[in-house]
Amino acid sequence: MKESFSEKLFNYTNLGLLLLIGLVSLFPFYYIIVVSFTDSKSFISNSLTLYPKNFTLDAYRYIFSTKTFTNSLGVSAYLAVVGTALSLIVSAAFGYMVSRKRLYGRKFFMIALVITLLFNPGIIPHYLLIKEMGLMNSTWSIILPGLLSAWNAILLKTFFDGIPESLEESAFIDGANDIRIFFQIILPLSLPALAAFGLFFAVGYWNTFFQAVMYITDSTKWPLQVLLQAMLVESSTGIADAGVASQMASEQQVTPEIIKMAAIVVATVPILLVYPFLQKHFAKGVMLGSVKG
């Protein structure tokens, strides 16, 4: 079908506007990447640079030579891996449990889940609960409260509704129990949905900030986002180890601004690299969970 002049004009205008919005949105991150690879003297002499002048990796060498930054990077990676795995197992197990009609009292569990979705007790009860459980200054103070996401459990329950119960009946006849059916049959069939929700959980744990600020006061256990906030608010880098800092300061190799930019890149890139590997399952998983036949 041949497009009219007005339709072509509309489409090209739309395309141009979207490209412009995309470029404007991406430019700040592009600028951060450029600055992180720029030599300190070139950065100081030029307020705006569109490409790395005197390309250098000094800022990255510096942040990875500091124990504080590598500790925070390890904490964030631990939260993303362990937290995502446990949250997926707990949310999928709950969603599968309430999706089975043979479960006695499943309506009660669903109502209890929805209540947690509608009513939030607030920050103070959360804080007192974590404190009374002895989880202060522990990464479990971040992982345990997020193990069961009510919204994601409901979406997973909708996904599991589409799996025929006759499949389980066949497995029961072959001698499998509920746990074996869940791990060896249900979970492998749910990979698209698990990949999609796994990405949600991983991004959430990697970007953990508010809970860490409330529950973790020991700076050696800070996740990366809390350390970044401290770096950006303070005038210095905030990650300096005494020996490394004095050496770098004396040599004047890296300015605090460039170190901050490098830290932002390191904190952002790992989670962006996950998307291409899960993109195929991501779109399919979200769509499967959203349609009920």
Protein backbone atom coordinates (compact mmCIF):
# COMPACT_ATOMS: atom_id res chain seq x y z
CA MET A 1 0.00 0.00 0.00
CA LYS A 2 1.46 3.31 -1.10
CA GLU A 3 1.80 5.93 1.60
CA SER A 4 0.47 9.42 0.99
CA PHE A 5 2.68 12.48 1.41
CA SER A 6 1.07 13.37 4.74
CA GLU A 7 1.64 9.82 6.07
CA LYS A 8 5.30 9.90 4.98
CA LEU A 9 5.73 13.31 6.59
CA PHE A 10 4.15 12.04 9.82
CA ASN A 11 6.32 8.88 9.89
CA TYR A 12 9.58 10.76 9.19
CA THR A 13 8.69 13.39 11.78
CA ASN A 14 7.98 10.64 14.33
CA LEU A 15 11.26 8.93 13.47
CA GLY A 16 13.20 12.17 13.77
CA LEU A 17 11.64 13.05 17.12
CA LEU A 18 12.28 9.57 18.52
CA LEU A 19 15.90 9.66 17.37
CA LEU A 20 16.34 13.10 18.91
CA ILE A 21 14.81 11.98 22.24
CA GLY A 22 16.99 8.86 22.16
CA LEU A 23 20.17 10.83 21.56
CA VAL A 24 19.30 13.35 24.27
CA SER A 25 18.57 10.51 26.69
CA LEU A 26 21.79 8.65 25.92
CA PHE A 27 24.11 11.66 25.82
CA PRO A 28 24.62 11.99 29.62
CA PHE A 29 25.74 8.35 29.88
CA TYR A 30 27.91 8.73 26.77
CA TYR A 31 29.53 11.80 28.33
CA ILE A 32 30.19 9.90 31.57
CA ILE A 33 31.90 7.11 29.60
CA VAL A 34 34.02 9.60 27.64
CA VAL A 35 35.14 11.46 30.76
CA SER A 36 36.00 8.21 32.55
CA PHE A 37 38.59 7.48 29.83
CA THR A 38 39.94 11.04 29.63
CA ASP A 39 43.25 12.16 31.03
CA SER A 40 42.95 14.44 34.10
CA LYS A 41 44.89 17.36 32.59
CA SER A 42 42.76 17.26 29.42
CA PHE A 43 39.56 17.11 31.45
CA ILE A 44 40.57 20.10 33.59
CA SER A 45 41.56 22.19 30.56
CA ASN A 46 38.34 21.37 28.62
CA SER A 47 34.94 21.72 30.34
CA LEU A 48 33.14 19.71 27.63
CA THR A 49 34.69 16.86 25.69
CA LEU A 50 32.88 14.65 23.17
CA TYR A 51 35.60 12.02 22.87
CA PRO A 52 38.35 10.74 25.19
CA LYS A 53 41.35 13.07 24.96
CA ASN A 54 44.62 11.36 25.84
CA PHE A 55 42.85 8.05 26.43
CA THR A 56 43.75 6.52 29.78
CA LEU A 57 42.55 3.79 32.12
CA ASP A 58 43.96 5.44 35.25
CA ALA A 59 40.53 5.99 36.83
CA TYR A 60 39.63 2.31 36.44
CA ARG A 61 43.02 1.21 37.76
CA TYR A 62 42.45 3.48 40.74
CA ILE A 63 38.94 2.30 41.69
CA PHE A 64 39.89 -1.37 41.33
CA SER A 65 42.99 -0.80 43.46
CA THR A 66 40.87 0.45 46.37
CA LYS A 67 39.52 -2.09 48.81
CA THR A 68 36.36 -0.07 49.51
CA PHE A 69 35.19 -0.11 45.90
CA THR A 70 35.97 -3.79 45.30
CA ASN A 71 34.17 -4.66 48.55
CA SER A 72 31.06 -2.78 47.44
CA LEU A 73 31.24 -4.36 43.99
CA GLY A 74 31.40 -7.79 45.61
CA VAL A 75 28.44 -7.00 47.90
CA SER A 76 26.32 -5.86 44.92
CA ALA A 77 27.26 -8.96 42.92
CA TYR A 78 26.44 -11.17 45.92
CA LEU A 79 23.05 -9.48 46.35
CA ALA A 80 22.26 -9.75 42.65
CA VAL A 81 23.18 -13.45 42.38
CA VAL A 82 22.04 -14.86 45.73
CA GLY A 83 19.06 -12.54 46.11
CA THR A 84 17.81 -13.19 42.59
CA ALA A 85 18.16 -16.97 42.89
CA LEU A 86 16.36 -17.13 46.25
CA SER A 87 13.64 -14.66 45.21
CA LEU A 88 12.97 -16.63 42.05
CA ILE A 89 12.69 -19.92 43.93
CA VAL A 90 10.42 -18.52 46.67
CA SER A 91 8.19 -16.47 44.33
CA ALA A 92 7.90 -19.33 41.82
CA ALA A 93 7.17 -21.87 44.57
CA PHE A 94 4.44 -19.64 46.01
CA GLY A 95 2.98 -18.88 42.58
CA TYR A 96 2.96 -22.57 41.68
CA MET A 97 1.43 -23.52 45.03
CA VAL A 98 -1.55 -21.16 44.75
CA SER A 99 -2.08 -22.04 41.07
CA ARG A 100 -2.89 -25.68 41.90
CA LYS A 101 -6.60 -26.23 42.53
CA ARG A 102 -5.89 -29.30 44.69
CA LEU A 103 -4.23 -27.14 47.37
CA TYR A 104 -6.45 -26.85 50.44
CA GLY A 105 -6.85 -23.22 51.56
CA ARG A 106 -5.26 -21.65 48.49
CA LYS A 107 -7.79 -18.79 48.60
CA PHE A 108 -6.55 -17.90 52.08
CA PHE A 109 -2.96 -17.73 50.82
CA MET A 110 -4.01 -15.57 47.87
CA ILE A 111 -5.93 -13.17 50.13
CA ALA A 112 -2.95 -12.96 52.50
CA LEU A 113 -0.71 -12.17 49.54
CA VAL A 114 -3.02 -9.48 48.17
CA ILE A 115 -3.25 -7.86 51.62
CA THR A 116 0.53 -7.38 51.63
CA LEU A 117 0.18 -5.77 48.22
CA LEU A 118 -2.51 -3.30 49.32
CA PHE A 119 -1.30 -2.40 52.80
CA ASN A 120 2.27 -1.37 53.55
CA PRO A 121 3.14 -1.25 57.29
CA GLY A 122 5.64 1.57 56.71
CA ILE A 123 9.30 2.22 57.30
CA ILE A 124 9.38 2.13 61.13
CA PRO A 125 7.77 -1.36 61.53
CA HIS A 126 10.12 -2.64 58.82
CA TYR A 127 13.12 -1.17 60.64
CA LEU A 128 12.04 -2.54 64.04
CA LEU A 129 11.43 -5.99 62.53
CA ILE A 130 14.89 -6.12 60.96
CA LYS A 131 16.44 -4.89 64.21
CA GLU A 132 14.61 -7.44 66.39
CA MET A 133 15.63 -10.22 64.02
CA GLY A 134 19.27 -9.24 64.49
CA LEU A 135 19.82 -8.54 60.81
CA MET A 136 21.29 -5.05 61.15
CA ASN A 137 24.55 -4.65 59.21
CA SER A 138 23.83 -7.88 57.35
CA THR A 139 23.12 -8.36 53.65
CA TRP A 140 20.24 -10.61 54.70
CA SER A 141 18.42 -7.46 55.83
CA ILE A 142 18.11 -6.67 52.12
CA ILE A 143 17.53 -10.18 50.78
CA LEU A 144 15.00 -11.63 53.24
CA PRO A 145 12.29 -8.90 53.01
CA GLY A 146 12.32 -9.18 49.20
CA LEU A 147 12.22 -12.95 48.90
CA LEU A 148 8.51 -13.00 48.08
CA SER A 149 7.36 -10.26 45.75
CA ALA A 150 3.56 -10.20 45.86
CA TRP A 151 3.13 -8.68 42.41
CA ASN A 152 5.60 -11.04 40.73
CA ALA A 153 4.12 -14.04 42.55
CA ILE A 154 0.66 -13.19 41.19
CA LEU A 155 2.04 -12.89 37.65
CA LEU A 156 3.88 -16.20 38.03
CA LYS A 157 0.68 -17.77 39.38
CA THR A 158 -1.09 -16.62 36.19
CA PHE A 159 1.70 -18.19 34.14
CA PHE A 160 1.50 -21.50 36.05
CA ASP A 161 -2.29 -21.56 35.52
CA GLY A 162 -1.50 -22.28 31.86
CA ILE A 163 0.39 -25.48 32.66
CA PRO A 164 -2.06 -28.41 32.48
CA GLU A 165 -2.50 -30.39 35.69
CA SER A 166 -2.62 -33.59 33.60
CA LEU A 167 1.15 -33.18 33.26
CA GLU A 168 1.52 -33.47 37.02
CA GLU A 169 -0.90 -36.37 37.20
CA SER A 170 1.30 -38.29 34.75
CA ALA A 171 4.34 -37.53 36.88
CA PHE A 172 2.52 -38.66 40.04
CA ILE A 173 1.65 -41.96 38.35
CA ASP A 174 5.36 -42.38 37.52
CA GLY A 175 6.20 -41.96 41.22
CA ALA A 176 7.36 -38.30 41.37
CA ASN A 177 6.52 -36.17 44.42
CA ASP A 178 5.60 -32.47 44.50
CA ILE A 179 9.18 -31.23 45.00
CA ARG A 180 10.53 -33.30 42.12
CA ILE A 181 7.68 -32.19 39.86
CA PHE A 182 8.34 -28.54 40.72
CA PHE A 183 12.09 -28.61 40.13
CA GLN A 184 12.31 -31.11 37.26
CA ILE A 185 9.12 -30.39 35.30
CA ILE A 186 7.55 -27.06 36.21
CA LEU A 187 10.69 -24.89 36.44
CA PRO A 188 12.22 -26.10 33.12
CA LEU A 189 8.88 -25.37 31.41
CA SER A 190 8.88 -21.87 32.94
CA LEU A 191 12.27 -20.65 31.73
CA PRO A 192 10.89 -17.68 29.70
CA ALA A 193 8.93 -16.39 32.71
CA LEU A 194 11.80 -17.07 35.12
CA ALA A 195 14.24 -15.22 32.85
CA ALA A 196 11.96 -12.19 32.72
CA PHE A 197 11.35 -12.06 36.46
CA GLY A 198 14.97 -12.93 37.17
CA LEU A 199 15.95 -9.79 35.30
CA PHE A 200 13.52 -7.74 37.39
CA PHE A 201 14.91 -9.17 40.62
CA ALA A 202 18.55 -8.77 39.51
CA VAL A 203 18.07 -5.11 38.57
CA GLY A 204 16.30 -4.49 41.88
CA TYR A 205 19.04 -6.08 43.98
CA TRP A 206 21.85 -4.47 41.96
CA ASN A 207 20.27 -1.03 42.42
CA THR A 208 19.55 -1.56 46.13
CA PHE A 209 19.96 1.75 47.92
CA PHE A 210 17.28 2.77 50.42
CA GLN A 211 17.24 -0.48 52.42
CA ALA A 212 21.04 -0.52 52.55
CA VAL A 213 21.10 3.05 53.85
CA MET A 214 18.63 2.14 56.63
CA TYR A 215 19.99 -1.22 57.70
CA ILE A 216 23.73 -1.18 56.91
CA THR A 217 25.98 1.31 58.68
CA ASP A 218 29.22 -0.62 58.20
CA SER A 219 30.82 0.96 55.10
CA THR A 220 32.63 -2.29 54.26
CA LYS A 221 29.21 -3.88 53.61
CA TRP A 222 27.75 -1.10 51.50
CA PRO A 223 26.44 -2.09 48.08
CA LEU A 224 27.73 -0.15 45.10
CA GLN A 225 24.82 2.29 44.87
CA VAL A 226 25.33 3.50 48.45
CA LEU A 227 29.04 3.98 47.83
CA LEU A 228 28.26 5.91 44.63
CA GLN A 229 25.87 8.17 46.53
CA ALA A 230 28.59 8.86 49.10
CA MET A 231 31.10 9.58 46.33
CA LEU A 232 28.78 11.96 44.46
CA VAL A 233 27.68 13.85 47.58
CA GLU A 234 31.13 14.18 49.08
CA SER A 235 33.67 16.43 47.48
CA SER A 236 36.30 13.71 47.34
CA THR A 237 36.01 10.23 45.82
CA GLY A 238 35.02 8.69 49.13
CA ILE A 239 36.69 5.38 48.25
CA ALA A 240 40.29 6.20 48.92
CA ASP A 241 42.47 3.74 50.75
CA ALA A 242 45.12 5.62 52.66
CA GLY A 243 48.17 4.25 50.83
CA VAL A 244 46.70 4.35 47.34
CA ALA A 245 45.17 7.78 47.90
CA SER A 246 48.38 9.39 49.00
CA GLN A 247 50.25 7.85 46.07
CA MET A 248 47.66 8.96 43.50
CA ALA A 249 47.35 12.40 45.04
CA SER A 250 51.08 12.92 44.99
CA GLU A 251 51.28 11.87 41.36
CA GLN A 252 48.10 13.84 40.46
CA GLN A 253 47.08 11.15 38.01
CA VAL A 254 43.34 11.10 38.49
CA THR A 255 40.88 13.80 39.56
CA PRO A 256 37.91 12.91 41.81
CA GLU A 257 35.42 13.79 39.02
CA ILE A 258 36.94 11.24 36.63
CA ILE A 259 36.99 8.60 39.36
CA LYS A 260 33.30 9.21 39.99
CA MET A 261 32.54 8.81 36.29
CA ALA A 262 34.48 5.55 36.13
CA ALA A 263 32.65 4.27 39.21
CA ILE A 264 29.28 5.09 37.62
CA VAL A 265 30.26 3.18 34.47
CA VAL A 266 31.36 0.13 36.47
CA ALA A 267 28.12 0.25 38.47
CA THR A 268 25.94 0.49 35.36
CA VAL A 269 27.55 -1.66 32.68
CA PRO A 270 27.26 -5.12 34.33
CA ILE A 271 23.48 -4.97 34.57
CA LEU A 272 23.23 -3.63 30.99
CA LEU A 273 25.27 -6.60 29.74
CA VAL A 274 22.66 -8.98 31.13
CA TYR A 275 19.89 -7.67 28.85
CA PRO A 276 21.12 -9.07 25.48
CA PHE A 277 21.35 -12.59 26.92
CA LEU A 278 17.84 -12.50 28.38
CA GLN A 279 16.10 -10.32 25.80
CA LYS A 280 14.73 -13.31 23.87
CA HIS A 281 13.15 -14.85 26.99
CA PHE A 282 12.26 -11.46 28.45
CA ALA A 283 9.62 -10.45 25.85
CA LYS A 284 8.18 -13.95 25.64
CA GLY A 285 8.01 -14.40 29.40
CA VAL A 286 6.22 -11.14 30.05
CA MET A 287 3.63 -11.85 27.37
CA LEU A 288 3.00 -15.40 28.60
CA GLY A 289 2.32 -14.18 32.09
CA SER A 290 -0.03 -11.45 30.98
CA VAL A 291 -2.58 -13.54 29.03
CA LYS A 292 -5.02 -15.92 30.64
CA GLY A 293 -7.02 -18.23 28.36
